[in-house]
Amino acid sequence: AEKQALKKSLMCELAKWIEESKLKQADAADILGVTRPRV
């Protein structure tokens, strides 16, 4: 549960950054070095 809570917190920060930066998932993927499905 503690590890899941930490992951959720990190994911929320990423999702917030994507939203605040007004990025499309493909653009966020390029910046983050992952695929669009990962975003």
PDB file of all heavy atoms in Angstrom:
ATOM      1  N   ALA A   1       0.824  -1.209   0.000  1.00  0.00           N
ATOM      2  CA  ALA A   1       0.000   0.000   0.000  1.00  0.00           C
ATOM      3  C   ALA A   1       0.859   1.259   0.000  1.00  0.00           C
ATOM      4  O   ALA A   1       0.548   2.234  -0.698  1.00  0.00           O
ATOM      5  CB  ALA A   1      -0.941  -0.002   1.204  1.00  0.00           C
ATOM      6  N   GLU A   2       1.949   1.257   0.760  1.00  0.00           N
ATOM      7  CA  GLU A   2       2.844   2.418   0.790  1.00  0.00           C
ATOM      8  C   GLU A   2       3.501   2.644  -0.567  1.00  0.00           C
ATOM      9  O   GLU A   2       3.603   3.778  -1.040  1.00  0.00           O
ATOM     10  CB  GLU A   2       3.899   2.264   1.874  1.00  0.00           C
ATOM     11  CG  GLU A   2       3.369   2.526   3.259  1.00  0.00           C
ATOM     12  CD  GLU A   2       4.452   2.540   4.327  1.00  0.00           C
ATOM     13  OE1 GLU A   2       5.648   2.700   3.977  1.00  0.00           O
ATOM     14  OE2 GLU A   2       4.097   2.400   5.504  1.00  0.00           O
ATOM     15  N   LYS A   3       3.936   1.588  -1.214  1.00  0.00           N
ATOM     16  CA  LYS A   3       4.554   1.718  -2.536  1.00  0.00           C
ATOM     17  C   LYS A   3       3.543   2.199  -3.564  1.00  0.00           C
ATOM     18  O   LYS A   3       3.852   3.040  -4.410  1.00  0.00           O
ATOM     19  CB  LYS A   3       5.170   0.388  -2.983  1.00  0.00           C
ATOM     20  CG  LYS A   3       6.438   0.048  -2.229  1.00  0.00           C
ATOM     21  CD  LYS A   3       7.014  -1.272  -2.683  1.00  0.00           C
ATOM     22  CE  LYS A   3       8.234  -1.639  -1.867  1.00  0.00           C
ATOM     23  NZ  LYS A   3       8.800  -2.925  -2.278  1.00  0.00           N
ATOM     24  N   GLN A   4       2.322   1.696  -3.490  1.00  0.00           N
ATOM     25  CA  GLN A   4       1.288   2.138  -4.416  1.00  0.00           C
ATOM     26  C   GLN A   4       0.959   3.616  -4.192  1.00  0.00           C
ATOM     27  O   GLN A   4       0.757   4.355  -5.156  1.00  0.00           O
ATOM     28  CB  GLN A   4       0.025   1.281  -4.264  1.00  0.00           C
ATOM     29  CG  GLN A   4       0.193  -0.105  -4.837  1.00  0.00           C
ATOM     30  CD  GLN A   4      -1.023  -0.984  -4.613  1.00  0.00           C
ATOM     31  OE1 GLN A   4      -1.857  -0.721  -3.756  1.00  0.00           O
ATOM     32  NE2 GLN A   4      -1.115  -2.047  -5.382  1.00  0.00           N
ATOM     33  N   ALA A   5       0.922   4.039  -2.952  1.00  0.00           N
ATOM     34  CA  ALA A   5       0.640   5.447  -2.654  1.00  0.00           C
ATOM     35  C   ALA A   5       1.753   6.337  -3.204  1.00  0.00           C
ATOM     36  O   ALA A   5       1.475   7.421  -3.750  1.00  0.00           O
ATOM     37  CB  ALA A   5       0.485   5.653  -1.148  1.00  0.00           C
ATOM     38  N   LEU A   6       2.999   5.898  -3.086  1.00  0.00           N
ATOM     39  CA  LEU A   6       4.120   6.660  -3.627  1.00  0.00           C
ATOM     40  C   LEU A   6       4.027   6.744  -5.146  1.00  0.00           C
ATOM     41  O   LEU A   6       4.186   7.816  -5.735  1.00  0.00           O
ATOM     42  CB  LEU A   6       5.440   6.035  -3.196  1.00  0.00           C
ATOM     43  CG  LEU A   6       6.719   6.718  -3.662  1.00  0.00           C
ATOM     44  CD1 LEU A   6       6.735   8.196  -3.282  1.00  0.00           C
ATOM     45  CD2 LEU A   6       7.922   6.009  -3.083  1.00  0.00           C
ATOM     46  N   LYS A   7       3.717   5.633  -5.795  1.00  0.00           N
ATOM     47  CA  LYS A   7       3.563   5.640  -7.252  1.00  0.00           C
ATOM     48  C   LYS A   7       2.436   6.579  -7.669  1.00  0.00           C
ATOM     49  O   LYS A   7       2.579   7.342  -8.626  1.00  0.00           O
ATOM     50  CB  LYS A   7       3.279   4.227  -7.772  1.00  0.00           C
ATOM     51  CG  LYS A   7       4.468   3.303  -7.766  1.00  0.00           C
ATOM     52  CD  LYS A   7       4.039   1.967  -8.355  1.00  0.00           C
ATOM     53  CE  LYS A   7       5.104   0.928  -8.273  1.00  0.00           C
ATOM     54  NZ  LYS A   7       4.660  -0.334  -8.911  1.00  0.00           N
ATOM     55  N   LYS A   8       1.307   6.507  -6.975  1.00  0.00           N
ATOM     56  CA  LYS A   8       0.177   7.375  -7.308  1.00  0.00           C
ATOM     57  C   LYS A   8       0.550   8.840  -7.168  1.00  0.00           C
ATOM     58  O   LYS A   8       0.176   9.664  -8.014  1.00  0.00           O
ATOM     59  CB  LYS A   8      -1.027   7.041  -6.418  1.00  0.00           C
ATOM     60  CG  LYS A   8      -1.692   5.742  -6.774  1.00  0.00           C
ATOM     61  CD  LYS A   8      -2.840   5.420  -5.831  1.00  0.00           C
ATOM     62  CE  LYS A   8      -3.432   4.059  -6.127  1.00  0.00           C
ATOM     63  NZ  LYS A   8      -4.519   3.712  -5.204  1.00  0.00           N
ATOM     64  N   SER A   9       1.296   9.165  -6.139  1.00  0.00           N
ATOM     65  CA  SER A   9       1.737  10.548  -5.938  1.00  0.00           C
ATOM     66  C   SER A   9       2.642  11.013  -7.078  1.00  0.00           C
ATOM     67  O   SER A   9       2.469  12.117  -7.617  1.00  0.00           O
ATOM     68  CB  SER A   9       2.473  10.656  -4.598  1.00  0.00           C
ATOM     69  OG  SER A   9       2.971  11.955  -4.408  1.00  0.00           O
ATOM     70  N   LEU A  10       3.593  10.176  -7.472  1.00  0.00           N
ATOM     71  CA  LEU A  10       4.491  10.520  -8.572  1.00  0.00           C
ATOM     72  C   LEU A  10       3.713  10.660  -9.878  1.00  0.00           C
ATOM     73  O   LEU A  10       3.951  11.585 -10.666  1.00  0.00           O
ATOM     74  CB  LEU A  10       5.589   9.461  -8.709  1.00  0.00           C
ATOM     75  CG  LEU A  10       6.573   9.355  -7.539  1.00  0.00           C
ATOM     76  CD1 LEU A  10       7.435   8.111  -7.675  1.00  0.00           C
ATOM     77  CD2 LEU A  10       7.421  10.603  -7.411  1.00  0.00           C
ATOM     78  N   MET A  11       2.763   9.765 -10.099  1.00  0.00           N
ATOM     79  CA  MET A  11       1.963   9.818 -11.320  1.00  0.00           C
ATOM     80  C   MET A  11       1.091  11.068 -11.354  1.00  0.00           C
ATOM     81  O   MET A  11       0.912  11.674 -12.412  1.00  0.00           O
ATOM     82  CB  MET A  11       1.110   8.560 -11.455  1.00  0.00           C
ATOM     83  CG  MET A  11       1.938   7.329 -11.716  1.00  0.00           C
ATOM     84  SD  MET A  11       0.970   5.833 -11.794  1.00  0.00           S
ATOM     85  CE  MET A  11       0.540   5.864 -13.518  1.00  0.00           C
ATOM     86  N   CYS A  12       0.556  11.447 -10.218  1.00  0.00           N
ATOM     87  CA  CYS A  12      -0.252  12.678 -10.149  1.00  0.00           C
ATOM     88  C   CYS A  12       0.587  13.894 -10.524  1.00  0.00           C
ATOM     89  O   CYS A  12       0.114  14.788 -11.223  1.00  0.00           O
ATOM     90  CB  CYS A  12      -0.853  12.859  -8.761  1.00  0.00           C
ATOM     91  SG  CYS A  12      -2.266  11.793  -8.445  1.00  0.00           S
ATOM     92  N   GLU A  13       1.823  13.924 -10.064  1.00  0.00           N
ATOM     93  CA  GLU A  13       2.719  15.032 -10.407  1.00  0.00           C
ATOM     94  C   GLU A  13       2.983  15.073 -11.908  1.00  0.00           C
ATOM     95  O   GLU A  13       3.002  16.144 -12.515  1.00  0.00           O
ATOM     96  CB  GLU A  13       4.034  14.934  -9.634  1.00  0.00           C
ATOM     97  CG  GLU A  13       3.920  15.274  -8.167  1.00  0.00           C
ATOM     98  CD  GLU A  13       3.471  16.710  -7.931  1.00  0.00           C
ATOM     99  OE1 GLU A  13       3.926  17.622  -8.652  1.00  0.00           O
ATOM    100  OE2 GLU A  13       2.647  16.914  -7.024  1.00  0.00           O
ATOM    101  N   LEU A  14       3.198  13.915 -12.500  1.00  0.00           N
ATOM    102  CA  LEU A  14       3.415  13.859 -13.947  1.00  0.00           C
ATOM    103  C   LEU A  14       2.165  14.303 -14.711  1.00  0.00           C
ATOM    104  O   LEU A  14       2.264  15.102 -15.653  1.00  0.00           O
ATOM    105  CB  LEU A  14       3.799  12.442 -14.379  1.00  0.00           C
ATOM    106  CG  LEU A  14       5.251  12.053 -14.193  1.00  0.00           C
ATOM    107  CD1 LEU A  14       5.431  10.560 -14.329  1.00  0.00           C
ATOM    108  CD2 LEU A  14       6.133  12.795 -15.182  1.00  0.00           C
ATOM    109  N   ALA A  15       1.022  13.801 -14.315  1.00  0.00           N
ATOM    110  CA  ALA A  15      -0.225  14.167 -14.990  1.00  0.00           C
ATOM    111  C   ALA A  15      -0.488  15.664 -14.852  1.00  0.00           C
ATOM    112  O   ALA A  15      -0.923  16.317 -15.809  1.00  0.00           O
ATOM    113  CB  ALA A  15      -1.389  13.366 -14.422  1.00  0.00           C
ATOM    114  N   LYS A  16      -0.196  16.212 -13.679  1.00  0.00           N
ATOM    115  CA  LYS A  16      -0.376  17.650 -13.449  1.00  0.00           C
ATOM    116  C   LYS A  16       0.558  18.458 -14.353  1.00  0.00           C
ATOM    117  O   LYS A  16       0.148  19.455 -14.948  1.00  0.00           O
ATOM    118  CB  LYS A  16      -0.107  17.964 -11.972  1.00  0.00           C
ATOM    119  CG  LYS A  16      -0.416  19.386 -11.563  1.00  0.00           C
ATOM    120  CD  LYS A  16      -0.346  19.506 -10.057  1.00  0.00           C
ATOM    121  CE  LYS A  16       0.884  20.282  -9.683  1.00  0.00           C
ATOM    122  NZ  LYS A  16       1.034  20.474  -8.233  1.00  0.00           N
ATOM    123  N   TRP A  17       1.799  18.010 -14.469  1.00  0.00           N
ATOM    124  CA  TRP A  17       2.770  18.697 -15.333  1.00  0.00           C
ATOM    125  C   TRP A  17       2.297  18.683 -16.780  1.00  0.00           C
ATOM    126  O   TRP A  17       2.367  19.700 -17.480  1.00  0.00           O
ATOM    127  CB  TRP A  17       4.145  18.028 -15.200  1.00  0.00           C
ATOM    128  CG  TRP A  17       5.137  18.479 -16.223  1.00  0.00           C
ATOM    129  CD1 TRP A  17       5.819  19.657 -16.240  1.00  0.00           C
ATOM    130  CD2 TRP A  17       5.529  17.769 -17.407  1.00  0.00           C
ATOM    131  NE1 TRP A  17       6.626  19.718 -17.352  1.00  0.00           N
ATOM    132  CE2 TRP A  17       6.455  18.569 -18.085  1.00  0.00           C
ATOM    133  CE3 TRP A  17       5.185  16.533 -17.938  1.00  0.00           C
ATOM    134  CZ2 TRP A  17       7.055  18.168 -19.276  1.00  0.00           C
ATOM    135  CZ3 TRP A  17       5.779  16.136 -19.124  1.00  0.00           C
ATOM    136  CH2 TRP A  17       6.696  16.950 -19.768  1.00  0.00           C
ATOM    137  N   ILE A  18       1.802  17.542 -17.246  1.00  0.00           N
ATOM    138  CA  ILE A  18       1.306  17.431 -18.618  1.00  0.00           C
ATOM    139  C   ILE A  18       0.144  18.394 -18.837  1.00  0.00           C
ATOM    140  O   ILE A  18       0.101  19.121 -19.831  1.00  0.00           O
ATOM    141  CB  ILE A  18       0.889  15.975 -18.938  1.00  0.00           C
ATOM    142  CG1 ILE A  18       2.131  15.071 -18.967  1.00  0.00           C
ATOM    143  CG2 ILE A  18       0.126  15.893 -20.247  1.00  0.00           C
ATOM    144  CD1 ILE A  18       1.821  13.581 -18.940  1.00  0.00           C
ATOM    145  N   GLU A  19      -0.789  18.412 -17.889  1.00  0.00           N
ATOM    146  CA  GLU A  19      -1.966  19.279 -18.011  1.00  0.00           C
ATOM    147  C   GLU A  19      -1.579  20.760 -17.958  1.00  0.00           C
ATOM    148  O   GLU A  19      -2.017  21.550 -18.798  1.00  0.00           O
ATOM    149  CB  GLU A  19      -2.961  18.964 -16.895  1.00  0.00           C
ATOM    150  CG  GLU A  19      -4.249  19.757 -17.015  1.00  0.00           C
ATOM    151  CD  GLU A  19      -5.230  19.416 -15.905  1.00  0.00           C
ATOM    152  OE1 GLU A  19      -5.232  18.267 -15.434  1.00  0.00           O
ATOM    153  OE2 GLU A  19      -5.983  20.318 -15.509  1.00  0.00           O
ATOM    154  N   GLU A  20      -0.757  21.128 -16.989  1.00  0.00           N
ATOM    155  CA  GLU A  20      -0.365  22.536 -16.829  1.00  0.00           C
ATOM    156  C   GLU A  20       0.473  23.023 -18.007  1.00  0.00           C
ATOM    157  O   GLU A  20       0.421  24.204 -18.353  1.00  0.00           O
ATOM    158  CB  GLU A  20       0.388  22.738 -15.521  1.00  0.00           C
ATOM    159  CG  GLU A  20      -0.503  22.635 -14.303  1.00  0.00           C
ATOM    160  CD  GLU A  20       0.267  22.722 -12.995  1.00  0.00           C
ATOM    161  OE1 GLU A  20       1.528  22.712 -13.015  1.00  0.00           O
ATOM    162  OE2 GLU A  20      -0.400  22.793 -11.956  1.00  0.00           O
ATOM    163  N   SER A  21       1.240  22.125 -18.592  1.00  0.00           N
ATOM    164  CA  SER A  21       2.066  22.484 -19.746  1.00  0.00           C
ATOM    165  C   SER A  21       1.269  22.445 -21.049  1.00  0.00           C
ATOM    166  O   SER A  21       1.808  22.778 -22.104  1.00  0.00           O
ATOM    167  CB  SER A  21       3.255  21.522 -19.865  1.00  0.00           C
ATOM    168  OG  SER A  21       4.052  21.562 -18.711  1.00  0.00           O
ATOM    169  N   LYS A  22       0.017  22.011 -20.945  1.00  0.00           N
ATOM    170  CA  LYS A  22      -0.878  21.902 -22.100  1.00  0.00           C
ATOM    171  C   LYS A  22      -0.246  21.060 -23.216  1.00  0.00           C
ATOM    172  O   LYS A  22      -0.311  21.403 -24.392  1.00  0.00           O
ATOM    173  CB  LYS A  22      -1.283  23.284 -22.601  1.00  0.00           C
ATOM    174  CG  LYS A  22      -2.099  24.073 -21.596  1.00  0.00           C
ATOM    175  CD  LYS A  22      -2.470  25.423 -22.134  1.00  0.00           C
ATOM    176  CE  LYS A  22      -3.334  26.273 -21.256  1.00  0.00           C
ATOM    177  NZ  LYS A  22      -3.310  26.182 -19.858  1.00  0.00           N
ATOM    178  N   LEU A  23       0.357  19.958 -22.803  1.00  0.00           N
ATOM    179  CA  LEU A  23       1.026  19.078 -23.756  1.00  0.00           C
ATOM    180  C   LEU A  23       0.086  17.999 -24.262  1.00  0.00           C
ATOM    181  O   LEU A  23      -0.741  17.483 -23.510  1.00  0.00           O
ATOM    182  CB  LEU A  23       2.219  18.386 -23.086  1.00  0.00           C
ATOM    183  CG  LEU A  23       3.400  19.254 -22.700  1.00  0.00           C
ATOM    184  CD1 LEU A  23       4.361  18.449 -21.840  1.00  0.00           C
ATOM    185  CD2 LEU A  23       4.096  19.787 -23.928  1.00  0.00           C
ATOM    186  N   LYS A  24       0.235  17.664 -25.527  1.00  0.00           N
ATOM    187  CA  LYS A  24      -0.421  16.478 -26.050  1.00  0.00           C
ATOM    188  C   LYS A  24       0.392  15.283 -25.563  1.00  0.00           C
ATOM    189  O   LYS A  24       1.593  15.407 -25.281  1.00  0.00           O
ATOM    190  CB  LYS A  24      -0.449  16.517 -27.577  1.00  0.00           C
ATOM    191  CG  LYS A  24      -1.325  17.624 -28.119  1.00  0.00           C
ATOM    192  CD  LYS A  24      -1.343  17.614 -29.621  1.00  0.00           C
ATOM    193  CE  LYS A  24      -2.247  18.761 -30.109  1.00  0.00           C
ATOM    194  NZ  LYS A  24      -2.270  18.838 -31.554  1.00  0.00           N
ATOM    195  N   GLN A  25      -0.254  14.133 -25.473  1.00  0.00           N
ATOM    196  CA  GLN A  25       0.448  12.962 -24.962  1.00  0.00           C
ATOM    197  C   GLN A  25       1.681  12.619 -25.794  1.00  0.00           C
ATOM    198  O   GLN A  25       2.709  12.227 -25.246  1.00  0.00           O
ATOM    199  CB  GLN A  25      -0.498  11.761 -24.872  1.00  0.00           C
ATOM    200  CG  GLN A  25      -1.503  11.899 -23.749  1.00  0.00           C
ATOM    201  CD  GLN A  25      -2.330  10.652 -23.555  1.00  0.00           C
ATOM    202  OE1 GLN A  25      -2.130   9.627 -24.200  1.00  0.00           O
ATOM    203  NE2 GLN A  25      -3.284  10.730 -22.635  1.00  0.00           N
ATOM    204  N   ALA A  26       1.608  12.779 -27.091  1.00  0.00           N
ATOM    205  CA  ALA A  26       2.761  12.482 -27.950  1.00  0.00           C
ATOM    206  C   ALA A  26       3.927  13.416 -27.646  1.00  0.00           C
ATOM    207  O   ALA A  26       5.087  12.990 -27.621  1.00  0.00           O
ATOM    208  CB  ALA A  26       2.372  12.578 -29.416  1.00  0.00           C
ATOM    209  N   ASP A  27       3.620  14.706 -27.411  1.00  0.00           N
ATOM    210  CA  ASP A  27       4.678  15.666 -27.080  1.00  0.00           C
ATOM    211  C   ASP A  27       5.281  15.359 -25.709  1.00  0.00           C
ATOM    212  O   ASP A  27       6.494  15.437 -25.524  1.00  0.00           O
ATOM    213  CB  ASP A  27       4.131  17.092 -27.129  1.00  0.00           C
ATOM    214  CG  ASP A  27       3.679  17.490 -28.522  1.00  0.00           C
ATOM    215  OD1 ASP A  27       4.267  16.984 -29.505  1.00  0.00           O
ATOM    216  OD2 ASP A  27       2.722  18.295 -28.634  1.00  0.00           O
ATOM    217  N   ALA A  28       4.426  15.011 -24.759  1.00  0.00           N
ATOM    218  CA  ALA A  28       4.917  14.646 -23.426  1.00  0.00           C
ATOM    219  C   ALA A  28       5.797  13.402 -23.521  1.00  0.00           C
ATOM    220  O   ALA A  28       6.844  13.328 -22.868  1.00  0.00           O
ATOM    221  CB  ALA A  28       3.743  14.403 -22.484  1.00  0.00           C
ATOM    222  N   ALA A  29       5.398  12.457 -24.356  1.00  0.00           N
ATOM    223  CA  ALA A  29       6.175  11.232 -24.530  1.00  0.00           C
ATOM    224  C   ALA A  29       7.576  11.537 -25.043  1.00  0.00           C
ATOM    225  O   ALA A  29       8.562  10.960 -24.568  1.00  0.00           O
ATOM    226  CB  ALA A  29       5.456  10.281 -25.484  1.00  0.00           C
ATOM    227  N   ASP A  30       7.679  12.458 -26.001  1.00  0.00           N
ATOM    228  CA  ASP A  30       8.992  12.836 -26.534  1.00  0.00           C
ATOM    229  C   ASP A  30       9.871  13.422 -25.437  1.00  0.00           C
ATOM    230  O   ASP A  30      11.047  13.087 -25.328  1.00  0.00           O
ATOM    231  CB  ASP A  30       8.845  13.845 -27.670  1.00  0.00           C
ATOM    232  CG  ASP A  30       8.320  13.226 -28.951  1.00  0.00           C
ATOM    233  OD1 ASP A  30       8.419  11.988 -29.099  1.00  0.00           O
ATOM    234  OD2 ASP A  30       7.804  13.979 -29.799  1.00  0.00           O
ATOM    235  N   ILE A  31       9.307  14.299 -24.633  1.00  0.00           N
ATOM    236  CA  ILE A  31      10.069  14.936 -23.555  1.00  0.00           C
ATOM    237  C   ILE A  31      10.467  13.912 -22.490  1.00  0.00           C
ATOM    238  O   ILE A  31      11.595  13.941 -21.986  1.00  0.00           O
ATOM    239  CB  ILE A  31       9.242  16.078 -22.912  1.00  0.00           C
ATOM    240  CG1 ILE A  31       9.029  17.201 -23.934  1.00  0.00           C
ATOM    241  CG2 ILE A  31       9.928  16.609 -21.653  1.00  0.00           C
ATOM    242  CD1 ILE A  31       7.980  18.229 -23.526  1.00  0.00           C
ATOM    243  N   LEU A  32       9.553  13.021 -22.155  1.00  0.00           N
ATOM    244  CA  LEU A  32       9.788  12.055 -21.085  1.00  0.00           C
ATOM    245  C   LEU A  32      10.600  10.844 -21.524  1.00  0.00           C
ATOM    246  O   LEU A  32      11.036  10.046 -20.699  1.00  0.00           O
ATOM    247  CB  LEU A  32       8.449  11.589 -20.504  1.00  0.00           C
ATOM    248  CG  LEU A  32       7.578  12.679 -19.890  1.00  0.00           C
ATOM    249  CD1 LEU A  32       6.226  12.105 -19.469  1.00  0.00           C
ATOM    250  CD2 LEU A  32       8.281  13.351 -18.724  1.00  0.00           C
ATOM    251  N   GLY A  33      10.801  10.690 -22.833  1.00  0.00           N
ATOM    252  CA  GLY A  33      11.584   9.563 -23.328  1.00  0.00           C
ATOM    253  C   GLY A  33      10.853   8.234 -23.242  1.00  0.00           C
ATOM    254  O   GLY A  33      11.473   7.190 -23.031  1.00  0.00           O
ATOM    255  N   VAL A  34       9.524   8.286 -23.385  1.00  0.00           N
ATOM    256  CA  VAL A  34       8.709   7.078 -23.354  1.00  0.00           C
ATOM    257  C   VAL A  34       7.752   7.102 -24.542  1.00  0.00           C
ATOM    258  O   VAL A  34       7.710   8.073 -25.291  1.00  0.00           O
ATOM    259  CB  VAL A  34       7.907   6.957 -22.031  1.00  0.00           C
ATOM    260  CG1 VAL A  34       8.834   6.844 -20.837  1.00  0.00           C
ATOM    261  CG2 VAL A  34       6.959   8.134 -21.845  1.00  0.00           C
ATOM    262  N   THR A  35       6.975   6.049 -24.701  1.00  0.00           N
ATOM    263  CA  THR A  35       5.993   6.020 -25.779  1.00  0.00           C
ATOM    264  C   THR A  35       4.712   6.744 -25.356  1.00  0.00           C
ATOM    265  O   THR A  35       4.467   6.941 -24.164  1.00  0.00           O
ATOM    266  CB  THR A  35       5.641   4.568 -26.147  1.00  0.00           C
ATOM    267  OG1 THR A  35       5.035   3.943 -25.006  1.00  0.00           O
ATOM    268  CG2 THR A  35       6.877   3.796 -26.589  1.00  0.00           C
ATOM    269  N   ARG A  36       3.897   7.095 -26.347  1.00  0.00           N
ATOM    270  CA  ARG A  36       2.628   7.757 -26.039  1.00  0.00           C
ATOM    271  C   ARG A  36       1.716   6.866 -25.194  1.00  0.00           C
ATOM    272  O   ARG A  36       1.089   7.341 -24.249  1.00  0.00           O
ATOM    273  CB  ARG A  36       1.923   8.220 -27.327  1.00  0.00           C
ATOM    274  CG  ARG A  36       0.854   9.252 -27.022  1.00  0.00           C
ATOM    275  CD  ARG A  36      -0.483   9.016 -27.700  1.00  0.00           C
ATOM    276  NE  ARG A  36      -0.890   7.688 -27.977  1.00  0.00           N
ATOM    277  CZ  ARG A  36      -1.675   6.952 -27.161  1.00  0.00           C
ATOM    278  NH1 ARG A  36      -2.077   7.409 -26.003  1.00  0.00           N
ATOM    279  NH2 ARG A  36      -2.027   5.737 -27.515  1.00  0.00           N
ATOM    280  N   PRO A  37       1.658   5.542 -25.467  1.00  0.00           N
ATOM    281  CA  PRO A  37       0.841   4.699 -24.597  1.00  0.00           C
ATOM    282  C   PRO A  37       1.293   4.710 -23.127  1.00  0.00           C
ATOM    283  O   PRO A  37       0.476   4.603 -22.219  1.00  0.00           O
ATOM    284  CB  PRO A  37       0.978   3.298 -25.208  1.00  0.00           C
ATOM    285  CG  PRO A  37       1.258   3.559 -26.655  1.00  0.00           C
ATOM    286  CD  PRO A  37       2.115   4.799 -26.656  1.00  0.00           C
ATOM    287  N   ARG A  38       2.597   4.868 -22.904  1.00  0.00           N
ATOM    288  CA  ARG A  38       3.095   4.958 -21.518  1.00  0.00           C
ATOM    289  C   ARG A  38       2.582   6.237 -20.858  1.00  0.00           C
ATOM    290  O   ARG A  38       2.226   6.232 -19.683  1.00  0.00           O
ATOM    291  CB  ARG A  38       4.621   4.927 -21.472  1.00  0.00           C
ATOM    292  CG  ARG A  38       5.235   3.619 -21.886  1.00  0.00           C
ATOM    293  CD  ARG A  38       5.028   2.504 -20.905  1.00  0.00           C
ATOM    294  NE  ARG A  38       5.981   2.597 -19.810  1.00  0.00           N
ATOM    295  CZ  ARG A  38       5.898   1.903 -18.691  1.00  0.00           C
ATOM    296  NH1 ARG A  38       4.925   1.050 -18.507  1.00  0.00           N
ATOM    297  NH2 ARG A  38       6.795   2.028 -17.744  1.00  0.00           N
ATOM    298  N   VAL A  39       2.547   7.326 -21.614  1.00  0.00           N
ATOM    299  CA  VAL A  39       2.007   8.577 -21.077  1.00  0.00           C
ATOM    300  C   VAL A  39       0.527   8.390 -20.767  1.00  0.00           C
ATOM    301  O   VAL A  39       0.035   8.838 -19.723  1.00  0.00           O
ATOM    302  CB  VAL A  39       2.231   9.759 -22.047  1.00  0.00           C
ATOM    303  CG1 VAL A  39       1.508  11.006 -21.566  1.00  0.00           C
ATOM    304  CG2 VAL A  39       3.727  10.032 -22.206  1.00  0.00           C
TER     305      VAL A  39
END
